[in-house]
Amino acid sequence: MTLESDRADIIELFGRYADIADSKNFDELPPLVHTDPFTLDFESVNGMPPLTTPLADYGQALSGAFAAFVATHHVITGHVITIDGDHATAHAHVRAEHWVPDEVAGDGPNRWLVVGRYDNEAVRTERGWRFSKIKLTAGYQENTHLVAAAPR
């Protein structure tokens, strides 16, 4: 284990994290990305306070939340990783696009956009690095009305 390989492993977590939603892989990928349990903080996006959740509940909830979108695309860049032994902080920028079905969009826009940053915490486990906390801070959102209009 080197600082470079640890950093690469943590950056790969971001890629796998994006793939959970974008590939709709809600069963196999979460254990490769998260500790069990882990903390989610999306308060800046949806107003819900941070919560700690077991992986089993997370996959099911995420599947339901993303069922409303015909496609999603998450681009995560600008990784800044700080490693201190078996703990790390991981900062990155995100552009997340979520498309709703035409019947939801009607004659209006069909994409909910979230632009912001992640400030995550990771820990080294016996299975490798995993995120123990995901915090998304939205800097900008577009077409938030589509989230409420999309069927679940």
N, C-alpha and C. Protein backbone atom coordinates (compact mmCIF):
# COMPACT_ATOMS: atom_id res chain seq x y z
N MET A 1 0.84 -1.18 0.00
CA MET A 1 0.00 0.00 0.00
C MET A 1 0.89 1.24 0.00
N THR A 2 0.58 2.11 -0.94
CA THR A 2 1.29 3.38 -1.01
C THR A 2 0.27 4.49 -1.03
N LEU A 3 0.75 5.69 -0.78
CA LEU A 3 -0.14 6.84 -0.84
C LEU A 3 -0.80 6.95 -2.21
N GLU A 4 -0.04 6.68 -3.26
CA GLU A 4 -0.59 6.77 -4.62
C GLU A 4 -1.66 5.72 -4.86
N SER A 5 -1.43 4.48 -4.40
CA SER A 5 -2.43 3.44 -4.63
C SER A 5 -3.67 3.68 -3.76
N ASP A 6 -3.48 4.16 -2.54
CA ASP A 6 -4.63 4.51 -1.70
C ASP A 6 -5.46 5.61 -2.36
N ARG A 7 -4.78 6.62 -2.88
CA ARG A 7 -5.48 7.73 -3.54
C ARG A 7 -6.26 7.21 -4.76
N ALA A 8 -5.63 6.36 -5.56
CA ALA A 8 -6.29 5.79 -6.74
C ALA A 8 -7.50 4.96 -6.33
N ASP A 9 -7.38 4.19 -5.25
CA ASP A 9 -8.51 3.38 -4.79
C ASP A 9 -9.69 4.25 -4.36
N ILE A 10 -9.40 5.36 -3.71
CA ILE A 10 -10.48 6.25 -3.25
C ILE A 10 -11.12 6.97 -4.43
N ILE A 11 -10.33 7.37 -5.40
CA ILE A 11 -10.91 7.98 -6.60
C ILE A 11 -11.80 6.97 -7.32
N GLU A 12 -11.38 5.71 -7.34
CA GLU A 12 -12.22 4.68 -7.97
C GLU A 12 -13.55 4.52 -7.24
N LEU A 13 -13.56 4.73 -5.93
CA LEU A 13 -14.83 4.70 -5.20
C LEU A 13 -15.83 5.69 -5.78
N PHE A 14 -15.34 6.89 -6.13
CA PHE A 14 -16.24 7.89 -6.74
C PHE A 14 -16.82 7.36 -8.05
N GLY A 15 -16.00 6.70 -8.86
CA GLY A 15 -16.50 6.13 -10.11
C GLY A 15 -17.55 5.07 -9.88
N ARG A 16 -17.28 4.18 -8.95
CA ARG A 16 -18.26 3.14 -8.62
C ARG A 16 -19.53 3.73 -8.01
N TYR A 17 -19.34 4.77 -7.20
CA TYR A 17 -20.49 5.45 -6.60
C TYR A 17 -21.40 6.01 -7.70
N ALA A 18 -20.83 6.67 -8.69
CA ALA A 18 -21.62 7.21 -9.81
C ALA A 18 -22.29 6.08 -10.58
N ASP A 19 -21.60 4.96 -10.73
CA ASP A 19 -22.15 3.83 -11.47
C ASP A 19 -23.37 3.21 -10.78
N ILE A 20 -23.47 3.33 -9.47
CA ILE A 20 -24.63 2.76 -8.78
C ILE A 20 -25.91 3.31 -9.41
N ALA A 21 -26.01 4.62 -9.53
CA ALA A 21 -27.22 5.23 -10.10
C ALA A 21 -27.25 5.12 -11.62
N ASP A 22 -26.11 5.41 -12.26
CA ASP A 22 -26.11 5.47 -13.72
C ASP A 22 -26.32 4.11 -14.38
N SER A 23 -25.87 3.05 -13.74
CA SER A 23 -26.08 1.70 -14.30
C SER A 23 -27.25 0.99 -13.61
N LYS A 24 -27.85 1.68 -12.63
CA LYS A 24 -28.97 1.13 -11.84
C LYS A 24 -28.57 -0.20 -11.19
N ASN A 25 -27.35 -0.25 -10.71
CA ASN A 25 -26.84 -1.44 -10.03
C ASN A 25 -26.92 -1.20 -8.52
N PHE A 26 -28.09 -1.45 -7.96
CA PHE A 26 -28.37 -1.12 -6.57
C PHE A 26 -28.08 -2.28 -5.61
N ASP A 27 -27.63 -3.41 -6.14
CA ASP A 27 -27.36 -4.56 -5.30
C ASP A 27 -25.87 -4.85 -5.15
N GLU A 28 -25.17 -4.99 -6.26
CA GLU A 28 -23.77 -5.42 -6.22
C GLU A 28 -22.79 -4.29 -5.90
N LEU A 29 -23.05 -3.07 -6.39
CA LEU A 29 -22.08 -1.99 -6.21
C LEU A 29 -22.04 -1.36 -4.81
N PRO A 30 -23.16 -1.13 -4.15
CA PRO A 30 -23.07 -0.46 -2.85
C PRO A 30 -22.08 -1.08 -1.85
N PRO A 31 -22.00 -2.43 -1.73
CA PRO A 31 -21.01 -2.97 -0.79
C PRO A 31 -19.56 -2.74 -1.22
N LEU A 32 -19.35 -2.44 -2.49
CA LEU A 32 -18.00 -2.14 -2.98
C LEU A 32 -17.63 -0.68 -2.78
N VAL A 33 -18.60 0.13 -2.35
CA VAL A 33 -18.41 1.58 -2.21
C VAL A 33 -18.52 2.05 -0.77
N HIS A 34 -19.46 1.47 -0.01
CA HIS A 34 -19.81 1.98 1.31
C HIS A 34 -19.49 1.02 2.44
N THR A 35 -19.28 1.60 3.63
CA THR A 35 -19.26 0.79 4.84
C THR A 35 -20.70 0.42 5.18
N ASP A 36 -20.88 -0.46 6.11
CA ASP A 36 -22.22 -0.86 6.53
C ASP A 36 -22.29 -0.76 8.05
N PRO A 37 -23.01 0.24 8.55
CA PRO A 37 -23.78 1.30 7.88
C PRO A 37 -22.86 2.45 7.44
N PHE A 38 -23.47 3.45 6.80
CA PHE A 38 -22.76 4.67 6.42
C PHE A 38 -23.72 5.84 6.52
N THR A 39 -23.16 7.05 6.46
CA THR A 39 -23.97 8.26 6.63
C THR A 39 -24.12 8.99 5.30
N LEU A 40 -25.34 9.40 5.01
CA LEU A 40 -25.67 10.19 3.82
C LEU A 40 -26.11 11.58 4.26
N ASP A 41 -25.57 12.60 3.60
CA ASP A 41 -25.98 13.97 3.88
C ASP A 41 -26.27 14.67 2.55
N PHE A 42 -27.54 14.68 2.19
CA PHE A 42 -28.00 15.35 0.96
C PHE A 42 -28.91 16.52 1.32
N GLU A 43 -28.74 17.05 2.54
CA GLU A 43 -29.63 18.10 3.03
C GLU A 43 -29.70 19.30 2.08
N SER A 44 -28.60 19.66 1.46
CA SER A 44 -28.61 20.83 0.57
C SER A 44 -29.41 20.59 -0.70
N VAL A 45 -29.67 19.33 -1.02
CA VAL A 45 -30.42 18.99 -2.23
C VAL A 45 -31.90 18.78 -1.93
N ASN A 46 -32.17 18.00 -0.88
CA ASN A 46 -33.56 17.61 -0.64
C ASN A 46 -34.12 18.04 0.72
N GLY A 47 -33.32 18.74 1.53
CA GLY A 47 -33.81 19.24 2.80
C GLY A 47 -33.85 18.21 3.92
N MET A 48 -33.54 16.95 3.63
CA MET A 48 -33.55 15.93 4.68
C MET A 48 -32.26 16.00 5.48
N PRO A 49 -32.35 15.91 6.80
CA PRO A 49 -31.12 15.93 7.61
C PRO A 49 -30.29 14.67 7.35
N PRO A 50 -29.00 14.72 7.66
CA PRO A 50 -28.15 13.54 7.46
C PRO A 50 -28.72 12.32 8.18
N LEU A 51 -28.52 11.15 7.58
CA LEU A 51 -28.99 9.93 8.21
C LEU A 51 -27.98 8.82 8.02
N THR A 52 -27.92 7.95 9.00
CA THR A 52 -27.06 6.78 8.92
C THR A 52 -27.95 5.60 8.55
N THR A 53 -27.52 4.84 7.54
CA THR A 53 -28.36 3.78 7.00
C THR A 53 -27.56 2.50 6.78
N PRO A 54 -28.19 1.35 7.01
CA PRO A 54 -27.56 0.10 6.64
C PRO A 54 -27.62 -0.09 5.13
N LEU A 55 -26.67 -0.82 4.58
CA LEU A 55 -26.62 -1.03 3.13
C LEU A 55 -27.89 -1.65 2.59
N ALA A 56 -28.48 -2.58 3.31
CA ALA A 56 -29.69 -3.26 2.81
C ALA A 56 -30.81 -2.25 2.57
N ASP A 57 -30.97 -1.31 3.46
CA ASP A 57 -32.02 -0.30 3.29
C ASP A 57 -31.68 0.68 2.18
N TYR A 58 -30.41 1.01 2.06
CA TYR A 58 -29.94 1.99 1.06
C TYR A 58 -30.24 1.53 -0.36
N GLY A 59 -29.88 0.31 -0.69
CA GLY A 59 -30.10 -0.19 -2.05
C GLY A 59 -31.55 -0.14 -2.45
N GLN A 60 -32.40 -0.55 -1.54
CA GLN A 60 -33.83 -0.55 -1.82
C GLN A 60 -34.37 0.87 -1.98
N ALA A 61 -33.97 1.78 -1.10
CA ALA A 61 -34.43 3.17 -1.18
C ALA A 61 -33.92 3.84 -2.46
N LEU A 62 -32.68 3.59 -2.78
CA LEU A 62 -32.09 4.19 -3.98
C LEU A 62 -32.77 3.69 -5.25
N SER A 63 -33.04 2.41 -5.28
CA SER A 63 -33.74 1.84 -6.43
C SER A 63 -35.07 2.53 -6.66
N GLY A 64 -35.81 2.75 -5.58
CA GLY A 64 -37.10 3.44 -5.70
C GLY A 64 -36.93 4.89 -6.13
N ALA A 65 -35.93 5.57 -5.60
CA ALA A 65 -35.72 6.98 -5.93
C ALA A 65 -35.30 7.17 -7.38
N PHE A 66 -34.51 6.25 -7.91
CA PHE A 66 -34.02 6.41 -9.28
C PHE A 66 -34.92 5.77 -10.32
N ALA A 67 -35.94 5.04 -9.90
CA ALA A 67 -36.87 4.41 -10.84
C ALA A 67 -37.60 5.47 -11.68
N ALA A 68 -37.74 6.66 -11.15
CA ALA A 68 -38.47 7.73 -11.84
C ALA A 68 -37.72 8.28 -13.05
N PHE A 69 -36.43 8.02 -13.15
CA PHE A 69 -35.61 8.62 -14.21
C PHE A 69 -35.33 7.62 -15.31
N VAL A 70 -35.46 8.07 -16.55
CA VAL A 70 -35.15 7.20 -17.69
C VAL A 70 -33.65 7.05 -17.87
N ALA A 71 -32.90 8.03 -17.41
CA ALA A 71 -31.44 7.97 -17.46
C ALA A 71 -30.87 8.97 -16.47
N THR A 72 -29.65 8.68 -16.01
CA THR A 72 -28.90 9.63 -15.18
C THR A 72 -27.46 9.61 -15.66
N HIS A 73 -26.76 10.70 -15.37
CA HIS A 73 -25.34 10.78 -15.72
C HIS A 73 -24.64 11.64 -14.68
N HIS A 74 -23.71 11.03 -13.96
CA HIS A 74 -22.97 11.71 -12.90
C HIS A 74 -21.51 11.81 -13.31
N VAL A 75 -21.00 13.02 -13.37
CA VAL A 75 -19.60 13.26 -13.68
C VAL A 75 -18.95 13.82 -12.42
N ILE A 76 -17.94 13.13 -11.92
CA ILE A 76 -17.28 13.52 -10.67
C ILE A 76 -15.81 13.75 -10.98
N THR A 77 -15.34 14.98 -10.71
CA THR A 77 -13.99 15.37 -11.12
C THR A 77 -13.29 16.18 -10.02
N GLY A 78 -12.03 16.52 -10.28
CA GLY A 78 -11.29 17.42 -9.40
C GLY A 78 -11.04 16.84 -8.02
N HIS A 79 -10.70 15.57 -7.96
CA HIS A 79 -10.53 14.86 -6.69
C HIS A 79 -9.36 15.42 -5.88
N VAL A 80 -9.64 15.69 -4.61
CA VAL A 80 -8.61 16.08 -3.65
C VAL A 80 -8.74 15.11 -2.47
N ILE A 81 -7.75 14.27 -2.30
CA ILE A 81 -7.78 13.21 -1.31
C ILE A 81 -6.72 13.50 -0.24
N THR A 82 -7.12 13.43 1.02
CA THR A 82 -6.19 13.58 2.14
C THR A 82 -6.27 12.31 2.97
N ILE A 83 -5.14 11.62 3.08
CA ILE A 83 -5.10 10.34 3.78
C ILE A 83 -4.33 10.49 5.08
N ASP A 84 -4.95 9.94 6.15
CA ASP A 84 -4.32 9.93 7.47
C ASP A 84 -4.47 8.52 8.02
N GLY A 85 -3.49 7.67 7.76
CA GLY A 85 -3.57 6.29 8.20
C GLY A 85 -4.68 5.55 7.49
N ASP A 86 -5.65 5.04 8.25
CA ASP A 86 -6.77 4.28 7.67
C ASP A 86 -8.02 5.12 7.48
N HIS A 87 -7.86 6.44 7.55
CA HIS A 87 -8.98 7.36 7.34
C HIS A 87 -8.60 8.35 6.25
N ALA A 88 -9.59 8.83 5.52
CA ALA A 88 -9.32 9.80 4.45
C ALA A 88 -10.51 10.73 4.29
N THR A 89 -10.22 11.93 3.80
CA THR A 89 -11.27 12.83 3.33
C THR A 89 -11.13 12.90 1.82
N ALA A 90 -12.25 12.99 1.16
CA ALA A 90 -12.26 12.94 -0.31
C ALA A 90 -13.21 14.02 -0.83
N HIS A 91 -12.63 15.03 -1.44
CA HIS A 91 -13.39 16.16 -1.99
C HIS A 91 -13.41 16.03 -3.51
N ALA A 92 -14.55 16.31 -4.13
CA ALA A 92 -14.65 16.27 -5.59
C ALA A 92 -15.85 17.12 -6.03
N HIS A 93 -15.82 17.51 -7.29
CA HIS A 93 -16.91 18.28 -7.89
C HIS A 93 -17.82 17.31 -8.64
N VAL A 94 -19.11 17.64 -8.71
CA VAL A 94 -20.06 16.76 -9.39
C VAL A 94 -21.02 17.58 -10.26
N ARG A 95 -21.36 16.98 -11.37
CA ARG A 95 -22.45 17.44 -12.24
C ARG A 95 -23.33 16.22 -12.45
N ALA A 96 -24.53 16.27 -11.91
CA ALA A 96 -25.44 15.13 -11.95
C ALA A 96 -26.69 15.51 -12.75
N GLU A 97 -26.93 14.76 -13.81
CA GLU A 97 -28.08 15.01 -14.66
C GLU A 97 -29.04 13.84 -14.56
N HIS A 98 -30.33 14.16 -14.48
CA HIS A 98 -31.38 13.16 -14.28
C HIS A 98 -32.51 13.47 -15.26
N TRP A 99 -32.82 12.55 -16.19
CA TRP A 99 -33.85 12.78 -17.19
C TRP A 99 -35.13 12.06 -16.80
N VAL A 100 -36.25 12.77 -16.94
CA VAL A 100 -37.56 12.20 -16.63
C VAL A 100 -38.24 11.78 -17.93
N PRO A 101 -39.25 10.91 -17.84
CA PRO A 101 -39.98 10.49 -19.04
C PRO A 101 -40.70 11.68 -19.70
N ASP A 102 -40.93 11.57 -20.99
CA ASP A 102 -41.60 12.63 -21.75
C ASP A 102 -42.96 12.99 -21.16
N GLU A 103 -43.69 11.99 -20.67
CA GLU A 103 -45.02 12.28 -20.12
C GLU A 103 -44.93 13.12 -18.84
N VAL A 104 -43.82 13.09 -18.16
CA VAL A 104 -43.62 13.95 -16.98
C VAL A 104 -43.19 15.34 -17.41
N ALA A 105 -42.30 15.40 -18.39
CA ALA A 105 -41.77 16.69 -18.85
C ALA A 105 -42.79 17.48 -19.64
N GLY A 106 -43.67 16.77 -20.35
CA GLY A 106 -44.63 17.48 -21.21
C GLY A 106 -43.89 18.31 -22.24
N ASP A 107 -44.28 19.58 -22.36
CA ASP A 107 -43.63 20.48 -23.32
C ASP A 107 -42.47 21.24 -22.68
N GLY A 108 -42.17 20.93 -21.43
CA GLY A 108 -41.11 21.64 -20.71
C GLY A 108 -39.80 20.88 -20.71
N PRO A 109 -38.87 21.31 -19.87
CA PRO A 109 -37.57 20.65 -19.78
C PRO A 109 -37.73 19.24 -19.22
N ASN A 110 -36.82 18.35 -19.61
CA ASN A 110 -36.91 16.97 -19.16
C ASN A 110 -35.73 16.54 -18.28
N ARG A 111 -34.93 17.51 -17.82
CA ARG A 111 -33.72 17.17 -17.08
C ARG A 111 -33.60 17.98 -15.79
N TRP A 112 -33.40 17.26 -14.68
CA TRP A 112 -33.08 17.88 -13.40
C TRP A 112 -31.56 17.85 -13.28
N LEU A 113 -30.97 19.00 -13.07
CA LEU A 113 -29.52 19.14 -12.98
C LEU A 113 -29.13 19.55 -11.57
N VAL A 114 -28.10 18.88 -11.04
CA VAL A 114 -27.51 19.26 -9.76
C VAL A 114 -26.01 19.43 -9.99
N VAL A 115 -25.48 20.58 -9.62
CA VAL A 115 -24.05 20.84 -9.70
C VAL A 115 -23.58 21.19 -8.29
N GLY A 116 -22.51 20.58 -7.88
CA GLY A 116 -22.04 20.84 -6.52
C GLY A 116 -20.73 20.15 -6.22
N ARG A 117 -20.59 19.78 -4.95
CA ARG A 117 -19.34 19.14 -4.53
C ARG A 117 -19.65 18.05 -3.50
N TYR A 118 -18.78 17.06 -3.49
CA TYR A 118 -18.81 16.02 -2.48
C TYR A 118 -17.69 16.28 -1.48
N ASP A 119 -17.99 16.12 -0.22
CA ASP A 119 -17.00 16.12 0.85
C ASP A 119 -17.25 14.84 1.64
N ASN A 120 -16.57 13.78 1.24
CA ASN A 120 -16.81 12.45 1.78
C ASN A 120 -15.72 12.04 2.76
N GLU A 121 -16.04 11.04 3.54
CA GLU A 121 -15.06 10.42 4.43
C GLU A 121 -14.95 8.96 4.04
N ALA A 122 -13.71 8.45 4.07
CA ALA A 122 -13.47 7.04 3.71
C ALA A 122 -12.64 6.39 4.80
N VAL A 123 -12.83 5.08 4.93
CA VAL A 123 -12.03 4.30 5.87
C VAL A 123 -11.51 3.06 5.15
N ARG A 124 -10.31 2.64 5.58
CA ARG A 124 -9.75 1.40 5.04
C ARG A 124 -10.38 0.24 5.82
N THR A 125 -10.99 -0.68 5.11
CA THR A 125 -11.59 -1.86 5.72
C THR A 125 -10.78 -3.08 5.29
N GLU A 126 -11.13 -4.24 5.79
CA GLU A 126 -10.45 -5.46 5.36
C GLU A 126 -10.73 -5.77 3.88
N ARG A 127 -11.74 -5.15 3.30
CA ARG A 127 -12.07 -5.33 1.89
C ARG A 127 -11.61 -4.15 1.03
N GLY A 128 -10.84 -3.25 1.61
CA GLY A 128 -10.36 -2.07 0.88
C GLY A 128 -11.04 -0.81 1.37
N TRP A 129 -10.77 0.29 0.69
CA TRP A 129 -11.35 1.58 1.07
C TRP A 129 -12.85 1.58 0.79
N ARG A 130 -13.60 2.21 1.72
CA ARG A 130 -15.04 2.37 1.56
C ARG A 130 -15.42 3.75 2.10
N PHE A 131 -16.45 4.35 1.49
CA PHE A 131 -16.98 5.60 2.00
C PHE A 131 -17.81 5.32 3.25
N SER A 132 -17.51 6.03 4.32
CA SER A 132 -18.30 5.94 5.55
C SER A 132 -19.28 7.11 5.65
N LYS A 133 -19.01 8.17 4.89
CA LYS A 133 -19.91 9.33 4.87
C LYS A 133 -19.87 9.96 3.48
N ILE A 134 -21.04 10.23 2.95
CA ILE A 134 -21.21 10.93 1.67
C ILE A 134 -21.92 12.23 1.99
N LYS A 135 -21.30 13.35 1.64
CA LYS A 135 -21.96 14.65 1.82
C LYS A 135 -21.93 15.40 0.49
N LEU A 136 -23.13 15.67 -0.03
CA LEU A 136 -23.28 16.43 -1.26
C LEU A 136 -23.75 17.83 -0.91
N THR A 137 -23.02 18.83 -1.37
CA THR A 137 -23.44 20.21 -1.21
C THR A 137 -23.75 20.75 -2.59
N ALA A 138 -25.02 21.04 -2.84
CA ALA A 138 -25.44 21.56 -4.13
C ALA A 138 -25.10 23.04 -4.21
N GLY A 139 -24.45 23.42 -5.30
CA GLY A 139 -24.19 24.83 -5.55
C GLY A 139 -25.22 25.43 -6.49
N TYR A 140 -25.85 24.54 -7.28
CA TYR A 140 -26.82 25.00 -8.28
C TYR A 140 -27.72 23.82 -8.64
N GLN A 141 -29.01 24.12 -8.83
CA GLN A 141 -29.95 23.13 -9.32
C GLN A 141 -30.84 23.77 -10.37
N GLU A 142 -31.26 22.96 -11.31
CA GLU A 142 -32.13 23.40 -12.39
C GLU A 142 -33.30 22.43 -12.48
N ASN A 143 -34.49 22.96 -12.64
CA ASN A 143 -35.69 22.16 -12.87
C ASN A 143 -36.02 21.21 -11.71
N THR A 144 -35.93 21.70 -10.50
CA THR A 144 -36.19 20.87 -9.33
C THR A 144 -37.65 20.39 -9.28
N HIS A 145 -38.53 21.10 -9.96
CA HIS A 145 -39.93 20.70 -9.98
C HIS A 145 -40.11 19.30 -10.59
N LEU A 146 -39.17 18.87 -11.42
CA LEU A 146 -39.29 17.56 -12.06
C LEU A 146 -39.16 16.42 -11.07
N VAL A 147 -38.43 16.63 -9.98
CA VAL A 147 -38.27 15.58 -8.98
C VAL A 147 -39.62 15.24 -8.34
N ALA A 148 -40.38 16.25 -7.99
CA ALA A 148 -41.68 16.03 -7.36
C ALA A 148 -42.69 15.47 -8.37
N ALA A 149 -42.55 15.83 -9.64
CA ALA A 149 -43.50 15.41 -10.66
C ALA A 149 -43.26 13.98 -11.13
N ALA A 150 -42.03 13.49 -10.98
CA ALA A 150 -41.69 12.16 -11.49
C ALA A 150 -42.38 11.07 -10.66
N PRO A 151 -42.95 10.07 -11.35
CA PRO A 151 -43.62 8.98 -10.61
C PRO A 151 -42.60 8.11 -9.88
N ARG A 152 -43.00 7.58 -8.75
CA ARG A 152 -42.11 6.71 -7.96
C ARG A 152 -42.69 5.31 -7.92
